[in-house]
Amino acid sequence: MTNTIISRRAAARTLLFGALTGTALSVFGKEYGRARDVVARVQDDLRRAADFTATKEKERDRYRDVQRKLSEFDRDLSRGHFDKGKLDGAIDELKEVLKDNILESHDRDALAADLADLRALRDVR
């Protein structure tokens, strides 16, 4: 009788722990999923802007640098790690693109909104 009660308690504890762990992983997955969506949108906007304006080597380098930083940050996110330093690096690189590259107005607006979104993402963490 005592073994049955202990076994039931152990089983209940295991189920509860599993449920809580699964819920926590689900919440973190959704949170990082949203962050990864922001990164993907920024990368798309950068590609679109680069296709139109990247005629000089320095401009191409700036696009490449921010893309690389965003990819590194996203790689860490996919592994469950939010690296604020890498996100800061991507933000700094994106600021350089906005400051020094020739952009169409809609690309500048999109990238400025992306910069604000990346900053908001950083500030949430």
PDB file of N, CA and C in Angstrom:
ATOM      1  N   MET A   1       0.823  -1.184   0.000  1.00  0.00           N
ATOM      2  CA  MET A   1       0.000   0.000   0.000  1.00  0.00           C
ATOM      3  C   MET A   1       0.873   1.256   0.000  1.00  0.00           C
ATOM      4  N   THR A   2       1.901   1.302   0.857  1.00  0.00           N
ATOM      5  CA  THR A   2       2.782   2.457   0.946  1.00  0.00           C
ATOM      6  C   THR A   2       3.536   2.658  -0.358  1.00  0.00           C
ATOM      7  N   ASN A   3       4.001   1.590  -0.984  1.00  0.00           N
ATOM      8  CA  ASN A   3       4.709   1.687  -2.259  1.00  0.00           C
ATOM      9  C   ASN A   3       3.810   2.254  -3.341  1.00  0.00           C
ATOM     10  N   THR A   4       2.540   1.904  -3.311  1.00  0.00           N
ATOM     11  CA  THR A   4       1.596   2.402  -4.304  1.00  0.00           C
ATOM     12  C   THR A   4       1.401   3.904  -4.144  1.00  0.00           C
ATOM     13  N   ILE A   5       1.282   4.383  -2.909  1.00  0.00           N
ATOM     14  CA  ILE A   5       1.117   5.812  -2.651  1.00  0.00           C
ATOM     15  C   ILE A   5       2.368   6.577  -3.077  1.00  0.00           C
ATOM     16  N   ILE A   6       3.521   6.050  -2.730  1.00  0.00           N
ATOM     17  CA  ILE A   6       4.775   6.695  -3.111  1.00  0.00           C
ATOM     18  C   ILE A   6       4.911   6.701  -4.624  1.00  0.00           C
ATOM     19  N   SER A   7       4.577   5.624  -5.274  1.00  0.00           N
ATOM     20  CA  SER A   7       4.663   5.543  -6.727  1.00  0.00           C
ATOM     21  C   SER A   7       3.721   6.540  -7.382  1.00  0.00           C
ATOM     22  N   ARG A   8       2.531   6.669  -6.851  1.00  0.00           N
ATOM     23  CA  ARG A   8       1.575   7.628  -7.403  1.00  0.00           C
ATOM     24  C   ARG A   8       2.070   9.058  -7.220  1.00  0.00           C
ATOM     25  N   ARG A   9       2.637   9.336  -6.057  1.00  0.00           N
ATOM     26  CA  ARG A   9       3.176  10.679  -5.816  1.00  0.00           C
ATOM     27  C   ARG A   9       4.342  10.962  -6.766  1.00  0.00           C
ATOM     28  N   ALA A  10       5.205  10.001  -6.918  1.00  0.00           N
ATOM     29  CA  ALA A  10       6.351  10.178  -7.814  1.00  0.00           C
ATOM     30  C   ALA A  10       5.872  10.383  -9.247  1.00  0.00           C
ATOM     31  N   ALA A  11       4.873   9.610  -9.643  1.00  0.00           N
ATOM     32  CA  ALA A  11       4.327   9.754 -10.994  1.00  0.00           C
ATOM     33  C   ALA A  11       3.680  11.122 -11.167  1.00  0.00           C
ATOM     34  N   ALA A  12       2.927  11.551 -10.163  1.00  0.00           N
ATOM     35  CA  ALA A  12       2.271  12.865 -10.232  1.00  0.00           C
ATOM     36  C   ALA A  12       3.311  13.982 -10.296  1.00  0.00           C
ATOM     37  N   ARG A  13       4.357  13.882  -9.487  1.00  0.00           N
ATOM     38  CA  ARG A  13       5.423  14.876  -9.510  1.00  0.00           C
ATOM     39  C   ARG A  13       6.104  14.915 -10.877  1.00  0.00           C
ATOM     40  N   THR A  14       6.373  13.759 -11.427  1.00  0.00           N
ATOM     41  CA  THR A  14       7.021  13.678 -12.738  1.00  0.00           C
ATOM     42  C   THR A  14       6.151  14.300 -13.814  1.00  0.00           C
ATOM     43  N   LEU A  15       4.843  13.994 -13.779  1.00  0.00           N
ATOM     44  CA  LEU A  15       3.932  14.580 -14.757  1.00  0.00           C
ATOM     45  C   LEU A  15       3.844  16.097 -14.617  1.00  0.00           C
ATOM     46  N   LEU A  16       3.758  16.564 -13.383  1.00  0.00           N
ATOM     47  CA  LEU A  16       3.683  18.003 -13.140  1.00  0.00           C
ATOM     48  C   LEU A  16       4.956  18.688 -13.619  1.00  0.00           C
ATOM     49  N   PHE A  17       6.111  18.130 -13.290  1.00  0.00           N
ATOM     50  CA  PHE A  17       7.383  18.705 -13.727  1.00  0.00           C
ATOM     51  C   PHE A  17       7.459  18.741 -15.254  1.00  0.00           C
ATOM     52  N   GLY A  18       7.052  17.661 -15.882  1.00  0.00           N
ATOM     53  CA  GLY A  18       7.057  17.605 -17.345  1.00  0.00           C
ATOM     54  C   GLY A  18       6.144  18.645 -17.963  1.00  0.00           C
ATOM     55  N   ALA A  19       4.965  18.808 -17.375  1.00  0.00           N
ATOM     56  CA  ALA A  19       4.017  19.803 -17.890  1.00  0.00           C
ATOM     57  C   ALA A  19       4.570  21.215 -17.735  1.00  0.00           C
ATOM     58  N   LEU A  20       5.146  21.503 -16.577  1.00  0.00           N
ATOM     59  CA  LEU A  20       5.704  22.836 -16.352  1.00  0.00           C
ATOM     60  C   LEU A  20       6.896  23.099 -17.264  1.00  0.00           C
ATOM     61  N   THR A  21       7.743  22.116 -17.431  1.00  0.00           N
ATOM     62  CA  THR A  21       8.895  22.265 -18.315  1.00  0.00           C
ATOM     63  C   THR A  21       8.446  22.479 -19.754  1.00  0.00           C
ATOM     64  N   GLY A  22       7.470  21.719 -20.187  1.00  0.00           N
ATOM     65  CA  GLY A  22       6.948  21.870 -21.541  1.00  0.00           C
ATOM     66  C   GLY A  22       6.333  23.240 -21.761  1.00  0.00           C
ATOM     67  N   THR A  23       5.610  23.727 -20.770  1.00  0.00           N
ATOM     68  CA  THR A  23       5.013  25.057 -20.870  1.00  0.00           C
ATOM     69  C   THR A  23       6.096  26.123 -20.940  1.00  0.00           C
ATOM     70  N   ALA A  24       7.111  26.008 -20.112  1.00  0.00           N
ATOM     71  CA  ALA A  24       8.203  26.988 -20.121  1.00  0.00           C
ATOM     72  C   ALA A  24       8.915  26.982 -21.466  1.00  0.00           C
ATOM     73  N   LEU A  25       9.201  25.816 -22.000  1.00  0.00           N
ATOM     74  CA  LEU A  25       9.858  25.737 -23.300  1.00  0.00           C
ATOM     75  C   LEU A  25       8.978  26.320 -24.385  1.00  0.00           C
ATOM     76  N   SER A  26       7.678  26.098 -24.295  1.00  0.00           N
ATOM     77  CA  SER A  26       6.751  26.651 -25.271  1.00  0.00           C
ATOM     78  C   SER A  26       6.755  28.176 -25.225  1.00  0.00           C
ATOM     79  N   VAL A  27       6.754  28.739 -24.016  1.00  0.00           N
ATOM     80  CA  VAL A  27       6.783  30.196 -23.869  1.00  0.00           C
ATOM     81  C   VAL A  27       8.078  30.755 -24.422  1.00  0.00           C
ATOM     82  N   PHE A  28       9.231  30.165 -24.061  1.00  0.00           N
ATOM     83  CA  PHE A  28      10.499  30.643 -24.578  1.00  0.00           C
ATOM     84  C   PHE A  28      10.562  30.487 -26.098  1.00  0.00           C
ATOM     85  N   GLY A  29      10.045  29.391 -26.622  1.00  0.00           N
ATOM     86  CA  GLY A  29      10.033  29.179 -28.057  1.00  0.00           C
ATOM     87  C   GLY A  29       9.231  30.239 -28.786  1.00  0.00           C
ATOM     88  N   LYS A  30       8.096  30.605 -28.235  1.00  0.00           N
ATOM     89  CA  LYS A  30       7.277  31.653 -28.854  1.00  0.00           C
ATOM     90  C   LYS A  30       7.980  32.996 -28.781  1.00  0.00           C
ATOM     91  N   GLU A  31       8.591  33.282 -27.635  1.00  0.00           N
ATOM     92  CA  GLU A  31       9.295  34.555 -27.477  1.00  0.00           C
ATOM     93  C   GLU A  31      10.436  34.645 -28.486  1.00  0.00           C
ATOM     94  N   TYR A  32      11.242  33.622 -28.586  1.00  0.00           N
ATOM     95  CA  TYR A  32      12.342  33.632 -29.536  1.00  0.00           C
ATOM     96  C   TYR A  32      11.837  33.558 -30.966  1.00  0.00           C
ATOM     97  N   GLY A  33      10.689  32.921 -31.154  1.00  0.00           N
ATOM     98  CA  GLY A  33      10.093  32.880 -32.491  1.00  0.00           C
ATOM     99  C   GLY A  33       9.764  34.273 -32.991  1.00  0.00           C
ATOM    100  N   ARG A  34       9.220  35.097 -32.110  1.00  0.00           N
ATOM    101  CA  ARG A  34       8.923  36.487 -32.487  1.00  0.00           C
ATOM    102  C   ARG A  34      10.210  37.247 -32.789  1.00  0.00           C
ATOM    103  N   ALA A  35      11.233  37.024 -31.992  1.00  0.00           N
ATOM    104  CA  ALA A  35      12.521  37.686 -32.224  1.00  0.00           C
ATOM    105  C   ALA A  35      13.098  37.246 -33.571  1.00  0.00           C
ATOM    106  N   ARG A  36      12.975  35.967 -33.862  1.00  0.00           N
ATOM    107  CA  ARG A  36      13.492  35.464 -35.139  1.00  0.00           C
ATOM    108  C   ARG A  36      12.689  36.020 -36.315  1.00  0.00           C
ATOM    109  N   ASP A  37      11.395  36.256 -36.113  1.00  0.00           N
ATOM    110  CA  ASP A  37      10.576  36.883 -37.160  1.00  0.00           C
ATOM    111  C   ASP A  37      11.054  38.300 -37.450  1.00  0.00           C
ATOM    112  N   VAL A  38      11.393  39.039 -36.396  1.00  0.00           N
ATOM    113  CA  VAL A  38      11.917  40.400 -36.575  1.00  0.00           C
ATOM    114  C   VAL A  38      13.227  40.345 -37.345  1.00  0.00           C
ATOM    115  N   VAL A  39      14.112  39.440 -36.966  1.00  0.00           N
ATOM    116  CA  VAL A  39      15.403  39.307 -37.654  1.00  0.00           C
ATOM    117  C   VAL A  39      15.190  38.969 -39.124  1.00  0.00           C
ATOM    118  N   ALA A  40      14.297  38.057 -39.415  1.00  0.00           N
ATOM    119  CA  ALA A  40      14.034  37.671 -40.808  1.00  0.00           C
ATOM    120  C   ALA A  40      13.509  38.855 -41.612  1.00  0.00           C
ATOM    121  N   ARG A  41      12.619  39.641 -41.015  1.00  0.00           N
ATOM    122  CA  ARG A  41      12.078  40.810 -41.719  1.00  0.00           C
ATOM    123  C   ARG A  41      13.173  41.839 -41.992  1.00  0.00           C
ATOM    124  N   VAL A  42      14.043  42.072 -41.015  1.00  0.00           N
ATOM    125  CA  VAL A  42      15.139  43.024 -41.203  1.00  0.00           C
ATOM    126  C   VAL A  42      16.064  42.541 -42.315  1.00  0.00           C
ATOM    127  N   GLN A  43      16.367  41.250 -42.321  1.00  0.00           N
ATOM    128  CA  GLN A  43      17.239  40.715 -43.370  1.00  0.00           C
ATOM    129  C   GLN A  43      16.600  40.857 -44.748  1.00  0.00           C
ATOM    130  N   ASP A  44      15.297  40.626 -44.846  1.00  0.00           N
ATOM    131  CA  ASP A  44      14.598  40.818 -46.122  1.00  0.00           C
ATOM    132  C   ASP A  44      14.669  42.274 -46.570  1.00  0.00           C
ATOM    133  N   ASP A  45      14.431  43.198 -45.640  1.00  0.00           N
ATOM    134  CA  ASP A  45      14.493  44.621 -45.982  1.00  0.00           C
ATOM    135  C   ASP A  45      15.905  45.022 -46.410  1.00  0.00           C
ATOM    136  N   LEU A  46      16.907  44.470 -45.752  1.00  0.00           N
ATOM    137  CA  LEU A  46      18.294  44.762 -46.135  1.00  0.00           C
ATOM    138  C   LEU A  46      18.606  44.241 -47.534  1.00  0.00           C
ATOM    139  N   ARG A  47      18.153  43.027 -47.844  1.00  0.00           N
ATOM    140  CA  ARG A  47      18.388  42.469 -49.177  1.00  0.00           C
ATOM    141  C   ARG A  47      17.722  43.328 -50.255  1.00  0.00           C
ATOM    142  N   ARG A  48      16.508  43.745 -49.973  1.00  0.00           N
ATOM    143  CA  ARG A  48      15.778  44.566 -50.931  1.00  0.00           C
ATOM    144  C   ARG A  48      16.509  45.899 -51.150  1.00  0.00           C
ATOM    145  N   ALA A  49      16.953  46.526 -50.087  1.00  0.00           N
ATOM    146  CA  ALA A  49      17.671  47.795 -50.204  1.00  0.00           C
ATOM    147  C   ALA A  49      19.015  47.597 -50.904  1.00  0.00           C
ATOM    148  N   ALA A  50      19.706  46.526 -50.588  1.00  0.00           N
ATOM    149  CA  ALA A  50      21.016  46.270 -51.187  1.00  0.00           C
ATOM    150  C   ALA A  50      20.899  46.006 -52.685  1.00  0.00           C
ATOM    151  N   ASP A  51      19.838  45.338 -53.100  1.00  0.00           N
ATOM    152  CA  ASP A  51      19.646  45.056 -54.528  1.00  0.00           C
ATOM    153  C   ASP A  51      19.562  46.336 -55.340  1.00  0.00           C
ATOM    154  N   PHE A  52      19.041  47.377 -54.734  1.00  0.00           N
ATOM    155  CA  PHE A  52      18.858  48.623 -55.470  1.00  0.00           C
ATOM    156  C   PHE A  52      20.072  49.544 -55.400  1.00  0.00           C
ATOM    157  N   THR A  53      20.730  49.596 -54.259  1.00  0.00           N
ATOM    158  CA  THR A  53      21.688  50.681 -54.055  1.00  0.00           C
ATOM    159  C   THR A  53      23.136  50.286 -53.847  1.00  0.00           C
ATOM    160  N   ALA A  54      23.429  49.046 -53.627  1.00  0.00           N
ATOM    161  CA  ALA A  54      24.804  48.673 -53.250  1.00  0.00           C
ATOM    162  C   ALA A  54      25.733  48.683 -54.460  1.00  0.00           C
ATOM    163  N   THR A  55      26.124  49.880 -54.871  1.00  0.00           N
ATOM    164  CA  THR A  55      27.000  49.995 -56.034  1.00  0.00           C
ATOM    165  C   THR A  55      28.452  50.188 -55.645  1.00  0.00           C
ATOM    166  N   LYS A  56      28.686  50.689 -54.444  1.00  0.00           N
ATOM    167  CA  LYS A  56      30.051  50.928 -53.988  1.00  0.00           C
ATOM    168  C   LYS A  56      30.463  49.831 -53.012  1.00  0.00           C
ATOM    169  N   GLU A  57      31.755  49.552 -52.997  1.00  0.00           N
ATOM    170  CA  GLU A  57      32.276  48.481 -52.139  1.00  0.00           C
ATOM    171  C   GLU A  57      31.956  48.738 -50.663  1.00  0.00           C
ATOM    172  N   LYS A  58      32.110  49.973 -50.211  1.00  0.00           N
ATOM    173  CA  LYS A  58      31.814  50.307 -48.809  1.00  0.00           C
ATOM    174  C   LYS A  58      30.347  50.040 -48.480  1.00  0.00           C
ATOM    175  N   GLU A  59      29.442  50.380 -49.403  1.00  0.00           N
ATOM    176  CA  GLU A  59      28.019  50.124 -49.174  1.00  0.00           C
ATOM    177  C   GLU A  59      27.754  48.627 -49.061  1.00  0.00           C
ATOM    178  N   ARG A  60      28.327  47.848 -49.958  1.00  0.00           N
ATOM    179  CA  ARG A  60      28.157  46.395 -49.915  1.00  0.00           C
ATOM    180  C   ARG A  60      28.695  45.824 -48.609  1.00  0.00           C
ATOM    181  N   ASP A  61      29.834  46.347 -48.172  1.00  0.00           N
ATOM    182  CA  ASP A  61      30.414  45.875 -46.908  1.00  0.00           C
ATOM    183  C   ASP A  61      29.483  46.152 -45.733  1.00  0.00           C
ATOM    184  N   ARG A  62      28.861  47.322 -45.726  1.00  0.00           N
ATOM    185  CA  ARG A  62      27.953  47.655 -44.618  1.00  0.00           C
ATOM    186  C   ARG A  62      26.765  46.694 -44.587  1.00  0.00           C
ATOM    187  N   TYR A  63      26.181  46.412 -45.751  1.00  0.00           N
ATOM    188  CA  TYR A  63      25.068  45.457 -45.809  1.00  0.00           C
ATOM    189  C   TYR A  63      25.521  44.078 -45.343  1.00  0.00           C
ATOM    190  N   ARG A  64      26.666  43.662 -45.826  1.00  0.00           N
ATOM    191  CA  ARG A  64      27.204  42.345 -45.461  1.00  0.00           C
ATOM    192  C   ARG A  64      27.454  42.254 -43.959  1.00  0.00           C
ATOM    193  N   ASP A  65      27.998  43.327 -43.376  1.00  0.00           N
ATOM    194  CA  ASP A  65      28.301  43.323 -41.940  1.00  0.00           C
ATOM    195  C   ASP A  65      27.042  43.178 -41.098  1.00  0.00           C
ATOM    196  N   VAL A  66      26.006  43.933 -41.426  1.00  0.00           N
ATOM    197  CA  VAL A  66      24.781  43.839 -40.630  1.00  0.00           C
ATOM    198  C   VAL A  66      24.108  42.480 -40.846  1.00  0.00           C
ATOM    199  N   GLN A  67      24.135  41.967 -42.069  1.00  0.00           N
ATOM    200  CA  GLN A  67      23.568  40.642 -42.340  1.00  0.00           C
ATOM    201  C   GLN A  67      24.294  39.574 -41.518  1.00  0.00           C
ATOM    202  N   ARG A  68      25.615  39.668 -41.459  1.00  0.00           N
ATOM    203  CA  ARG A  68      26.401  38.691 -40.704  1.00  0.00           C
ATOM    204  C   ARG A  68      26.070  38.758 -39.217  1.00  0.00           C
ATOM    205  N   LYS A  69      26.002  39.963 -38.677  1.00  0.00           N
ATOM    206  CA  LYS A  69      25.681  40.122 -37.255  1.00  0.00           C
ATOM    207  C   LYS A  69      24.289  39.586 -36.940  1.00  0.00           C
ATOM    208  N   LEU A  70      23.325  39.875 -37.820  1.00  0.00           N
ATOM    209  CA  LEU A  70      21.967  39.372 -37.605  1.00  0.00           C
ATOM    210  C   LEU A  70      21.934  37.848 -37.696  1.00  0.00           C
ATOM    211  N   SER A  71      22.684  37.282 -38.620  1.00  0.00           N
ATOM    212  CA  SER A  71      22.727  35.823 -38.753  1.00  0.00           C
ATOM    213  C   SER A  71      23.329  35.171 -37.517  1.00  0.00           C
ATOM    214  N   GLU A  72      24.384  35.775 -36.974  1.00  0.00           N
ATOM    215  CA  GLU A  72      24.993  35.235 -35.754  1.00  0.00           C
ATOM    216  C   GLU A  72      24.005  35.296 -34.586  1.00  0.00           C
ATOM    217  N   PHE A  73      23.311  36.416 -34.469  1.00  0.00           N
ATOM    218  CA  PHE A  73      22.319  36.566 -33.402  1.00  0.00           C
ATOM    219  C   PHE A  73      21.205  35.533 -33.574  1.00  0.00           C
ATOM    220  N   ASP A  74      20.725  35.362 -34.806  1.00  0.00           N
ATOM    221  CA  ASP A  74      19.651  34.411 -35.088  1.00  0.00           C
ATOM    222  C   ASP A  74      20.095  32.969 -34.824  1.00  0.00           C
ATOM    223  N   ARG A  75      21.331  32.668 -35.150  1.00  0.00           N
ATOM    224  CA  ARG A  75      21.855  31.316 -34.896  1.00  0.00           C
ATOM    225  C   ARG A  75      21.797  31.008 -33.393  1.00  0.00           C
ATOM    226  N   ASP A  76      22.197  31.988 -32.585  1.00  0.00           N
ATOM    227  CA  ASP A  76      22.120  31.798 -31.131  1.00  0.00           C
ATOM    228  C   ASP A  76      20.679  31.649 -30.661  1.00  0.00           C
ATOM    229  N   LEU A  77      19.774  32.449 -31.230  1.00  0.00           N
ATOM    230  CA  LEU A  77      18.355  32.332 -30.868  1.00  0.00           C
ATOM    231  C   LEU A  77      17.834  30.931 -31.163  1.00  0.00           C
ATOM    232  N   SER A  78      18.225  30.390 -32.302  1.00  0.00           N
ATOM    233  CA  SER A  78      17.738  29.061 -32.677  1.00  0.00           C
ATOM    234  C   SER A  78      18.220  27.996 -31.699  1.00  0.00           C
ATOM    235  N   ARG A  79      19.281  28.309 -30.966  1.00  0.00           N
ATOM    236  CA  ARG A  79      19.810  27.388 -29.955  1.00  0.00           C
ATOM    237  C   ARG A  79      19.333  27.742 -28.553  1.00  0.00           C
ATOM    238  N   GLY A  80      18.400  28.713 -28.475  1.00  0.00           N
ATOM    239  CA  GLY A  80      17.820  29.067 -27.188  1.00  0.00           C
ATOM    240  C   GLY A  80      18.616  30.080 -26.393  1.00  0.00           C
ATOM    241  N   HIS A  81      19.508  30.825 -27.048  1.00  0.00           N
ATOM    242  CA  HIS A  81      20.333  31.808 -26.339  1.00  0.00           C
ATOM    243  C   HIS A  81      20.132  33.194 -26.949  1.00  0.00           C
ATOM    244  N   PHE A  82      19.715  34.149 -26.128  1.00  0.00           N
ATOM    245  CA  PHE A  82      19.526  35.529 -26.550  1.00  0.00           C
ATOM    246  C   PHE A  82      20.807  36.285 -26.229  1.00  0.00           C
ATOM    247  N   ASP A  83      21.620  36.563 -27.254  1.00  0.00           N
ATOM    248  CA  ASP A  83      22.915  37.221 -27.062  1.00  0.00           C
ATOM    249  C   ASP A  83      22.751  38.718 -27.313  1.00  0.00           C
ATOM    250  N   LYS A  84      22.610  39.468 -26.235  1.00  0.00           N
ATOM    251  CA  LYS A  84      22.384  40.904 -26.326  1.00  0.00           C
ATOM    252  C   LYS A  84      23.564  41.621 -26.996  1.00  0.00           C
ATOM    253  N   GLY A  85      24.768  41.143 -26.780  1.00  0.00           N
ATOM    254  CA  GLY A  85      25.948  41.746 -27.403  1.00  0.00           C
ATOM    255  C   GLY A  85      25.912  41.644 -28.915  1.00  0.00           C
ATOM    256  N   LYS A  86      25.501  40.491 -29.420  1.00  0.00           N
ATOM    257  CA  LYS A  86      25.411  40.321 -30.869  1.00  0.00           C
ATOM    258  C   LYS A  86      24.282  41.176 -31.440  1.00  0.00           C
ATOM    259  N   LEU A  87      23.194  41.288 -30.695  1.00  0.00           N
ATOM    260  CA  LEU A  87      22.099  42.149 -31.139  1.00  0.00           C
ATOM    261  C   LEU A  87      22.559  43.606 -31.166  1.00  0.00           C
ATOM    262  N   ASP A  88      23.294  44.034 -30.153  1.00  0.00           N
ATOM    263  CA  ASP A  88      23.838  45.396 -30.144  1.00  0.00           C
ATOM    264  C   ASP A  88      24.743  45.635 -31.348  1.00  0.00           C
ATOM    265  N   GLY A  89      25.551  44.637 -31.684  1.00  0.00           N
ATOM    266  CA  GLY A  89      26.421  44.751 -32.855  1.00  0.00           C
ATOM    267  C   GLY A  89      25.623  44.919 -34.132  1.00  0.00           C
ATOM    268  N   ALA A  90      24.543  44.164 -34.274  1.00  0.00           N
ATOM    269  CA  ALA A  90      23.693  44.281 -35.462  1.00  0.00           C
ATOM    270  C   ALA A  90      23.032  45.655 -35.516  1.00  0.00           C
ATOM    271  N   ILE A  91      22.589  46.148 -34.370  1.00  0.00           N
ATOM    272  CA  ILE A  91      21.970  47.475 -34.309  1.00  0.00           C
ATOM    273  C   ILE A  91      22.980  48.543 -34.747  1.00  0.00           C
ATOM    274  N   ASP A  92      24.195  48.450 -34.253  1.00  0.00           N
ATOM    275  CA  ASP A  92      25.225  49.418 -34.637  1.00  0.00           C
ATOM    276  C   ASP A  92      25.513  49.373 -36.128  1.00  0.00           C
ATOM    277  N   GLU A  93      25.587  48.169 -36.677  1.00  0.00           N
ATOM    278  CA  GLU A  93      25.841  48.033 -38.117  1.00  0.00           C
ATOM    279  C   GLU A  93      24.685  48.587 -38.944  1.00  0.00           C
ATOM    280  N   LEU A  94      23.458  48.354 -38.492  1.00  0.00           N
ATOM    281  CA  LEU A  94      22.295  48.877 -39.207  1.00  0.00           C
ATOM    282  C   LEU A  94      22.284  50.405 -39.164  1.00  0.00           C
ATOM    283  N   LYS A  95      22.695  50.986 -38.040  1.00  0.00           N
ATOM    284  CA  LYS A  95      22.791  52.447 -37.957  1.00  0.00           C
ATOM    285  C   LYS A  95      23.770  52.980 -39.003  1.00  0.00           C
ATOM    286  N   GLU A  96      24.863  52.250 -39.225  1.00  0.00           N
ATOM    287  CA  GLU A  96      25.839  52.663 -40.234  1.00  0.00           C
ATOM    288  C   GLU A  96      25.243  52.620 -41.637  1.00  0.00           C
ATOM    289  N   VAL A  97      24.451  51.612 -41.927  1.00  0.00           N
ATOM    290  CA  VAL A  97      23.788  51.532 -43.229  1.00  0.00           C
ATOM    291  C   VAL A  97      22.875  52.741 -43.421  1.00  0.00           C
ATOM    292  N   LEU A  98      22.088  53.043 -42.406  1.00  0.00           N
ATOM    293  CA  LEU A  98      21.167  54.174 -42.502  1.00  0.00           C
ATOM    294  C   LEU A  98      21.908  55.502 -42.627  1.00  0.00           C
ATOM    295  N   LYS A  99      23.019  55.617 -41.932  1.00  0.00           N
ATOM    296  CA  LYS A  99      23.757  56.881 -41.921  1.00  0.00           C
ATOM    297  C   LYS A  99      24.551  57.104 -43.213  1.00  0.00           C
ATOM    298  N   ASP A 100      25.167  56.046 -43.740  1.00  0.00           N
ATOM    299  CA  ASP A 100      26.163  56.233 -44.797  1.00  0.00           C
ATOM    300  C   ASP A 100      25.780  55.705 -46.181  1.00  0.00           C
ATOM    301  N   ASN A 101      24.726  54.918 -46.292  1.00  0.00           N
ATOM    302  CA  ASN A 101      24.372  54.362 -47.594  1.00  0.00           C
ATOM    303  C   ASN A 101      23.314  55.213 -48.287  1.00  0.00           C
ATOM    304  N   ILE A 102      23.351  55.189 -49.606  1.00  0.00           N
ATOM    305  CA  ILE A 102      22.320  55.844 -50.394  1.00  0.00           C
ATOM    306  C   ILE A 102      21.132  54.891 -50.444  1.00  0.00           C
ATOM    307  N   LEU A 103      19.952  55.379 -50.050  1.00  0.00           N
ATOM    308  CA  LEU A 103      18.765  54.528 -49.969  1.00  0.00           C
ATOM    309  C   LEU A 103      17.565  55.221 -50.600  1.00  0.00           C
ATOM    310  N   GLU A 104      16.697  54.417 -51.182  1.00  0.00           N
ATOM    311  CA  GLU A 104      15.402  54.943 -51.606  1.00  0.00           C
ATOM    312  C   GLU A 104      14.602  55.274 -50.353  1.00  0.00           C
ATOM    313  N   SER A 105      13.657  56.171 -50.472  1.00  0.00           N
ATOM    314  CA  SER A 105      12.910  56.620 -49.290  1.00  0.00           C
ATOM    315  C   SER A 105      12.167  55.469 -48.612  1.00  0.00           C
ATOM    316  N   HIS A 106      11.526  54.589 -49.400  1.00  0.00           N
ATOM    317  CA  HIS A 106      10.788  53.488 -48.759  1.00  0.00           C
ATOM    318  C   HIS A 106      11.731  52.493 -48.089  1.00  0.00           C
ATOM    319  N   ASP A 107      12.937  52.310 -48.639  1.00  0.00           N
ATOM    320  CA  ASP A 107      13.923  51.439 -47.991  1.00  0.00           C
ATOM    321  C   ASP A 107      14.439  52.077 -46.703  1.00  0.00           C
ATOM    322  N   ARG A 108      14.689  53.378 -46.739  1.00  0.00           N
ATOM    323  CA  ARG A 108      15.143  54.081 -45.534  1.00  0.00           C
ATOM    324  C   ARG A 108      14.077  53.998 -44.439  1.00  0.00           C
ATOM    325  N   ASP A 109      12.807  54.191 -44.817  1.00  0.00           N
ATOM    326  CA  ASP A 109      11.717  54.101 -43.842  1.00  0.00           C
ATOM    327  C   ASP A 109      11.616  52.701 -43.248  1.00  0.00           C
ATOM    328  N   ALA A 110      11.716  51.685 -44.104  1.00  0.00           N
ATOM    329  CA  ALA A 110      11.616  50.296 -43.636  1.00  0.00           C
ATOM    330  C   ALA A 110      12.774  49.957 -42.697  1.00  0.00           C
ATOM    331  N   LEU A 111      13.983  50.368 -43.068  1.00  0.00           N
ATOM    332  CA  LEU A 111      15.146  50.062 -42.231  1.00  0.00           C
ATOM    333  C   LEU A 111      15.134  50.863 -40.929  1.00  0.00           C
ATOM    334  N   ALA A 112      14.614  52.084 -40.966  1.00  0.00           N
ATOM    335  CA  ALA A 112      14.491  52.867 -39.729  1.00  0.00           C
ATOM    336  C   ALA A 112      13.485  52.199 -38.784  1.00  0.00           C
ATOM    337  N   ALA A 113      12.386  51.689 -39.345  1.00  0.00           N
ATOM    338  CA  ALA A 113      11.414  50.957 -38.515  1.00  0.00           C
ATOM    339  C   ALA A 113      12.032  49.670 -37.979  1.00  0.00           C
ATOM    340  N   ASP A 114      12.829  49.005 -38.810  1.00  0.00           N
ATOM    341  CA  ASP A 114      13.525  47.791 -38.362  1.00  0.00           C
ATOM    342  C   ASP A 114      14.487  48.101 -37.221  1.00  0.00           C
ATOM    343  N   LEU A 115      15.191  49.215 -37.325  1.00  0.00           N
ATOM    344  CA  LEU A 115      16.111  49.618 -36.266  1.00  0.00           C
ATOM    345  C   LEU A 115      15.354  49.829 -34.955  1.00  0.00           C
ATOM    346  N   ALA A 116      14.212  50.479 -35.037  1.00  0.00           N
ATOM    347  CA  ALA A 116      13.392  50.686 -33.834  1.00  0.00           C
ATOM    348  C   ALA A 116      12.921  49.352 -33.260  1.00  0.00           C
ATOM    349  N   ASP A 117      12.541  48.420 -34.130  1.00  0.00           N
ATOM    350  CA  ASP A 117      12.087  47.104 -33.664  1.00  0.00           C
ATOM    351  C   ASP A 117      13.221  46.314 -33.002  1.00  0.00           C
ATOM    352  N   LEU A 118      14.422  46.393 -33.572  1.00  0.00           N
ATOM    353  CA  LEU A 118      15.557  45.697 -32.967  1.00  0.00           C
ATOM    354  C   LEU A 118      15.901  46.308 -31.605  1.00  0.00           C
ATOM    355  N   ARG A 119      15.812  47.616 -31.510  1.00  0.00           N
ATOM    356  CA  ARG A 119      16.058  48.262 -30.207  1.00  0.00           C
ATOM    357  C   ARG A 119      15.012  47.847 -29.183  1.00  0.00           C
ATOM    358  N   ALA A 120      13.754  47.780 -29.620  1.00  0.00           N
ATOM    359  CA  ALA A 120      12.681  47.349 -28.706  1.00  0.00           C
ATOM    360  C   ALA A 120      12.899  45.908 -28.263  1.00  0.00           C
ATOM    361  N   LEU A 121      13.339  45.074 -29.187  1.00  0.00           N
ATOM    362  CA  LEU A 121      13.634  43.680 -28.874  1.00  0.00           C
ATOM    363  C   LEU A 121      14.751  43.603 -27.833  1.00  0.00           C
ATOM    364  N   ARG A 122      15.764  44.409 -28.000  1.00  0.00           N
ATOM    365  CA  ARG A 122      16.886  44.439 -27.054  1.00  0.00           C
ATOM    366  C   ARG A 122      16.417  44.912 -25.675  1.00  0.00           C
ATOM    367  N   ASP A 123      15.562  45.937 -25.657  1.00  0.00           N
ATOM    368  CA  ASP A 123      15.133  46.526 -24.393  1.00  0.00           C
ATOM    369  C   ASP A 123      14.203  45.611 -23.608  1.00  0.00           C
ATOM    370  N   VAL A 124      13.522  44.699 -24.287  1.00  0.00           N
ATOM    371  CA  VAL A 124      12.636  43.745 -23.615  1.00  0.00           C
ATOM    372  C   VAL A 124      13.448  42.770 -22.787  1.00  0.00           C
ATOM    373  N   ARG A 125      14.614  42.421 -23.242  1.00  0.00           N
ATOM    374  CA  ARG A 125      15.478  41.439 -22.559  1.00  0.00           C
ATOM    375  C   ARG A 125      16.223  42.112 -21.491  1.00  0.00           C
TER     376      ARG A 125
END
